[in-house]
Amino acid sequence: MHQSACNGVQKTQNRKNNGYGLLKALCSDIFDHVFSKDLISENTHDFSSSNNDLEAKITHILYHLKDSKRDMKGILTRESGELFLSLFKKYLEQLFNEFMTNESLDGIPKEYVVNHMAGGFVETVKWWIQNDMAQSPEELTRYFFILHRLYH
């Protein structure tokens, strides 16, 4: 009986580890692509000639999430949803960290601003997915930057 319970725990742990690996791979694929210097035109979007600023990168991420709409809805409705969002937030923190300068923070610790921006964007994406991604990636990017007073 004890061995059976241990095997069950081990199987559950293996599934979680495999799920973590798949979720990490999904995040990595999106962010490695978005951070690439050699962007090409894709079926649903073309950022190959963009200025590669933060707004363009955020919009590009949203296009990839929208392209994976069915998968994203499935991920977020399972227990793996929080794990994915946690990984997603870590990648976003790297992105925001890259674009934040100490001068733009008005004395607020950079770590706080980066955490706030990443967390806010995760919540924005959750809201967007729950509302069937009704807004275009450009429109959602505009919403996000207006709220964070970074929109130019």
C-alpha atoms as a PDB file:
ATOM      1  CA  MET A   1       0.000   0.000   0.000  1.00  0.00           C
ATOM      2  CA  HIS A   2       2.795   2.411   0.957  1.00  0.00           C
ATOM      3  CA  GLN A   3       4.685   1.694  -2.283  1.00  0.00           C
ATOM      4  CA  SER A   4       1.533   2.363  -4.312  1.00  0.00           C
ATOM      5  CA  ALA A   5       1.092   5.753  -2.646  1.00  0.00           C
ATOM      6  CA  CYS A   6       4.751   6.605  -3.269  1.00  0.00           C
ATOM      7  CA  ASN A   7       4.381   5.642  -6.929  1.00  0.00           C
ATOM      8  CA  GLY A   8       1.336   7.888  -7.208  1.00  0.00           C
ATOM      9  CA  VAL A   9       3.211  10.804  -5.681  1.00  0.00           C
ATOM     10  CA  GLN A  10       6.145  10.150  -8.011  1.00  0.00           C
ATOM     11  CA  LYS A  11       3.857  10.089 -11.077  1.00  0.00           C
ATOM     12  CA  THR A  12       2.231  13.352 -10.018  1.00  0.00           C
ATOM     13  CA  GLN A  13       5.646  14.944  -9.476  1.00  0.00           C
ATOM     14  CA  ASN A  14       6.844  13.708 -12.891  1.00  0.00           C
ATOM     15  CA  ARG A  15       3.749  15.189 -14.562  1.00  0.00           C
ATOM     16  CA  LYS A  16       4.380  18.514 -12.831  1.00  0.00           C
ATOM     17  CA  ASN A  17       8.041  18.471 -13.870  1.00  0.00           C
ATOM     18  CA  ASN A  18       7.107  17.611 -17.471  1.00  0.00           C
ATOM     19  CA  GLY A  19       4.446  20.319 -17.415  1.00  0.00           C
ATOM     20  CA  TYR A  20       6.966  22.813 -16.069  1.00  0.00           C
ATOM     21  CA  GLY A  21       9.352  21.919 -18.870  1.00  0.00           C
ATOM     22  CA  LEU A  22       6.647  22.369 -21.502  1.00  0.00           C
ATOM     23  CA  LEU A  23       5.539  25.701 -20.045  1.00  0.00           C
ATOM     24  CA  LYS A  24       9.120  26.917 -19.787  1.00  0.00           C
ATOM     25  CA  ALA A  25       9.708  25.877 -23.405  1.00  0.00           C
ATOM     26  CA  LEU A  26       6.603  27.810 -24.498  1.00  0.00           C
ATOM     27  CA  CYS A  27       7.779  30.967 -22.706  1.00  0.00           C
ATOM     28  CA  SER A  28      11.296  30.492 -24.009  1.00  0.00           C
ATOM     29  CA  ASP A  29      10.090  30.075 -27.598  1.00  0.00           C
ATOM     30  CA  ILE A  30       8.055  33.284 -27.435  1.00  0.00           C
ATOM     31  CA  PHE A  31      10.710  35.383 -25.736  1.00  0.00           C
ATOM     32  CA  ASP A  32      13.716  34.026 -27.637  1.00  0.00           C
ATOM     33  CA  HIS A  33      11.882  34.884 -30.833  1.00  0.00           C
ATOM     34  CA  VAL A  34      10.765  38.350 -29.677  1.00  0.00           C
ATOM     35  CA  PHE A  35      14.308  39.180 -28.473  1.00  0.00           C
ATOM     36  CA  SER A  36      15.845  37.968 -31.739  1.00  0.00           C
ATOM     37  CA  LYS A  37      17.683  40.590 -33.759  1.00  0.00           C
ATOM     38  CA  ASP A  38      16.679  38.880 -37.032  1.00  0.00           C
ATOM     39  CA  LEU A  39      12.889  39.088 -37.035  1.00  0.00           C
ATOM     40  CA  ILE A  40      11.045  37.935 -40.130  1.00  0.00           C
ATOM     41  CA  SER A  41       7.539  38.512 -41.410  1.00  0.00           C
ATOM     42  CA  GLU A  42       5.089  35.985 -39.973  1.00  0.00           C
ATOM     43  CA  ASN A  43       1.577  34.897 -40.950  1.00  0.00           C
ATOM     44  CA  THR A  44      -0.279  37.187 -38.533  1.00  0.00           C
ATOM     45  CA  HIS A  45       2.242  39.971 -38.006  1.00  0.00           C
ATOM     46  CA  ASP A  46       5.470  41.544 -39.237  1.00  0.00           C
ATOM     47  CA  PHE A  47       7.900  43.158 -36.799  1.00  0.00           C
ATOM     48  CA  SER A  48      10.921  42.730 -39.082  1.00  0.00           C
ATOM     49  CA  SER A  49      11.125  46.465 -39.742  1.00  0.00           C
ATOM     50  CA  SER A  50       9.929  47.744 -36.358  1.00  0.00           C
ATOM     51  CA  ASN A  51      12.103  49.966 -34.208  1.00  0.00           C
ATOM     52  CA  ASN A  52      12.162  47.159 -31.612  1.00  0.00           C
ATOM     53  CA  ASP A  53      11.195  49.426 -28.731  1.00  0.00           C
ATOM     54  CA  LEU A  54       9.310  48.215 -25.672  1.00  0.00           C
ATOM     55  CA  GLU A  55       5.903  48.924 -27.203  1.00  0.00           C
ATOM     56  CA  ALA A  56       6.770  46.857 -30.304  1.00  0.00           C
ATOM     57  CA  LYS A  57       8.075  43.979 -28.167  1.00  0.00           C
ATOM     58  CA  ILE A  58       4.932  43.946 -26.002  1.00  0.00           C
ATOM     59  CA  THR A  59       2.708  43.995 -29.089  1.00  0.00           C
ATOM     60  CA  HIS A  60       4.780  41.195 -30.627  1.00  0.00           C
ATOM     61  CA  ILE A  61       4.367  39.061 -27.493  1.00  0.00           C
ATOM     62  CA  LEU A  62       0.606  39.636 -27.635  1.00  0.00           C
ATOM     63  CA  TYR A  63       0.504  38.457 -31.256  1.00  0.00           C
ATOM     64  CA  HIS A  64       2.218  35.214 -30.272  1.00  0.00           C
ATOM     65  CA  LEU A  65      -0.188  34.707 -27.392  1.00  0.00           C
ATOM     66  CA  LYS A  66      -3.137  35.387 -29.702  1.00  0.00           C
ATOM     67  CA  ASP A  67      -1.707  32.958 -32.282  1.00  0.00           C
ATOM     68  CA  SER A  68      -1.737  30.363 -29.456  1.00  0.00           C
ATOM     69  CA  LYS A  69      -5.201  31.393 -28.223  1.00  0.00           C
ATOM     70  CA  ARG A  70      -6.585  27.871 -27.841  1.00  0.00           C
ATOM     71  CA  ASP A  71      -3.459  26.646 -26.039  1.00  0.00           C
ATOM     72  CA  MET A  72      -3.384  29.706 -23.789  1.00  0.00           C
ATOM     73  CA  LYS A  73      -7.013  29.214 -22.750  1.00  0.00           C
ATOM     74  CA  GLY A  74      -6.260  25.571 -21.997  1.00  0.00           C
ATOM     75  CA  ILE A  75      -3.154  26.388 -19.977  1.00  0.00           C
ATOM     76  CA  LEU A  76      -4.870  29.059 -17.895  1.00  0.00           C
ATOM     77  CA  THR A  77      -7.856  26.871 -17.026  1.00  0.00           C
ATOM     78  CA  ARG A  78      -5.645  24.135 -15.568  1.00  0.00           C
ATOM     79  CA  GLU A  79      -3.533  24.032 -12.433  1.00  0.00           C
ATOM     80  CA  SER A  80      -0.543  24.777 -14.679  1.00  0.00           C
ATOM     81  CA  GLY A  81      -1.960  28.263 -15.339  1.00  0.00           C
ATOM     82  CA  GLU A  82      -0.378  29.873 -12.293  1.00  0.00           C
ATOM     83  CA  LEU A  83       2.936  28.197 -13.083  1.00  0.00           C
ATOM     84  CA  PHE A  84       2.841  29.522 -16.656  1.00  0.00           C
ATOM     85  CA  LEU A  85       1.984  33.039 -15.453  1.00  0.00           C
ATOM     86  CA  SER A  86       4.834  32.906 -12.940  1.00  0.00           C
ATOM     87  CA  LEU A  87       7.305  31.921 -15.671  1.00  0.00           C
ATOM     88  CA  PHE A  88       5.810  34.488 -18.022  1.00  0.00           C
ATOM     89  CA  LYS A  89       6.268  37.184 -15.366  1.00  0.00           C
ATOM     90  CA  LYS A  90       9.949  36.283 -14.959  1.00  0.00           C
ATOM     91  CA  TYR A  91      10.519  36.720 -18.697  1.00  0.00           C
ATOM     92  CA  LEU A  92       8.595  40.001 -18.620  1.00  0.00           C
ATOM     93  CA  GLU A  93      10.758  41.235 -15.747  1.00  0.00           C
ATOM     94  CA  GLN A  94      13.826  40.680 -17.945  1.00  0.00           C
ATOM     95  CA  LEU A  95      12.153  42.599 -20.763  1.00  0.00           C
ATOM     96  CA  PHE A  96      11.090  45.555 -18.613  1.00  0.00           C
ATOM     97  CA  ASN A  97      14.462  45.595 -16.860  1.00  0.00           C
ATOM     98  CA  GLU A  98      16.162  45.987 -20.235  1.00  0.00           C
ATOM     99  CA  PHE A  99      14.108  49.073 -21.080  1.00  0.00           C
ATOM    100  CA  MET A 100      13.933  50.817 -17.697  1.00  0.00           C
ATOM    101  CA  THR A 101      16.543  53.425 -16.945  1.00  0.00           C
ATOM    102  CA  ASN A 102      17.256  54.725 -13.484  1.00  0.00           C
ATOM    103  CA  GLU A 103      16.515  58.267 -14.676  1.00  0.00           C
ATOM    104  CA  SER A 104      12.920  57.389 -15.554  1.00  0.00           C
ATOM    105  CA  LEU A 105      12.034  56.133 -12.090  1.00  0.00           C
ATOM    106  CA  ASP A 106      11.721  59.406 -10.109  1.00  0.00           C
ATOM    107  CA  GLY A 107      13.430  57.908  -7.083  1.00  0.00           C
ATOM    108  CA  ILE A 108      11.299  54.736  -7.077  1.00  0.00           C
ATOM    109  CA  PRO A 109      13.433  51.574  -6.851  1.00  0.00           C
ATOM    110  CA  LYS A 110      13.850  50.041 -10.290  1.00  0.00           C
ATOM    111  CA  GLU A 111      13.050  46.562  -8.923  1.00  0.00           C
ATOM    112  CA  TYR A 112       9.663  47.818  -7.725  1.00  0.00           C
ATOM    113  CA  VAL A 113       8.827  49.404 -11.076  1.00  0.00           C
ATOM    114  CA  VAL A 114       9.882  46.281 -13.004  1.00  0.00           C
ATOM    115  CA  ASN A 115       7.840  44.028 -10.685  1.00  0.00           C
ATOM    116  CA  HIS A 116       4.819  46.336 -10.971  1.00  0.00           C
ATOM    117  CA  MET A 117       5.016  46.506 -14.772  1.00  0.00           C
ATOM    118  CA  ALA A 118       5.465  42.736 -15.189  1.00  0.00           C
ATOM    119  CA  GLY A 119       2.671  41.947 -12.729  1.00  0.00           C
ATOM    120  CA  GLY A 120       0.385  44.475 -14.378  1.00  0.00           C
ATOM    121  CA  PHE A 121       1.052  43.008 -17.803  1.00  0.00           C
ATOM    122  CA  VAL A 122       0.371  39.466 -16.557  1.00  0.00           C
ATOM    123  CA  GLU A 123      -2.993  40.670 -15.216  1.00  0.00           C
ATOM    124  CA  THR A 124      -3.657  42.456 -18.519  1.00  0.00           C
ATOM    125  CA  VAL A 125      -3.034  39.217 -20.427  1.00  0.00           C
ATOM    126  CA  LYS A 126      -5.273  37.240 -18.043  1.00  0.00           C
ATOM    127  CA  TRP A 127      -8.074  39.771 -18.563  1.00  0.00           C
ATOM    128  CA  TRP A 128      -7.560  39.709 -22.332  1.00  0.00           C
ATOM    129  CA  ILE A 129      -7.723  35.910 -22.500  1.00  0.00           C
ATOM    130  CA  GLN A 130     -10.804  35.811 -20.239  1.00  0.00           C
ATOM    131  CA  ASN A 131     -12.461  38.272 -22.639  1.00  0.00           C
ATOM    132  CA  ASP A 132     -11.667  36.057 -25.640  1.00  0.00           C
ATOM    133  CA  MET A 133      -8.844  38.325 -26.830  1.00  0.00           C
ATOM    134  CA  ALA A 134     -11.426  40.740 -28.269  1.00  0.00           C
ATOM    135  CA  GLN A 135      -8.975  43.631 -28.563  1.00  0.00           C
ATOM    136  CA  SER A 136      -6.173  43.667 -31.095  1.00  0.00           C
ATOM    137  CA  PRO A 137      -2.630  43.326 -29.739  1.00  0.00           C
ATOM    138  CA  GLU A 138      -2.032  46.979 -30.693  1.00  0.00           C
ATOM    139  CA  GLU A 139      -5.110  48.148 -28.811  1.00  0.00           C
ATOM    140  CA  LEU A 140      -4.202  46.163 -25.692  1.00  0.00           C
ATOM    141  CA  THR A 141      -0.649  47.524 -25.818  1.00  0.00           C
ATOM    142  CA  ARG A 142      -2.087  51.033 -25.970  1.00  0.00           C
ATOM    143  CA  TYR A 143      -4.294  50.338 -22.924  1.00  0.00           C
ATOM    144  CA  PHE A 144      -1.332  49.014 -20.973  1.00  0.00           C
ATOM    145  CA  PHE A 145       1.003  51.903 -21.726  1.00  0.00           C
ATOM    146  CA  ILE A 146      -1.610  54.572 -21.106  1.00  0.00           C
ATOM    147  CA  LEU A 147      -2.265  53.100 -17.671  1.00  0.00           C
ATOM    148  CA  HIS A 148       1.444  52.980 -16.914  1.00  0.00           C
ATOM    149  CA  ARG A 149       2.131  56.440 -18.344  1.00  0.00           C
ATOM    150  CA  LEU A 150       4.780  55.134 -20.673  1.00  0.00           C
ATOM    151  CA  TYR A 151       2.829  55.583 -23.878  1.00  0.00           C
ATOM    152  CA  HIS A 152       4.418  58.200 -26.151  1.00  0.00           C
END
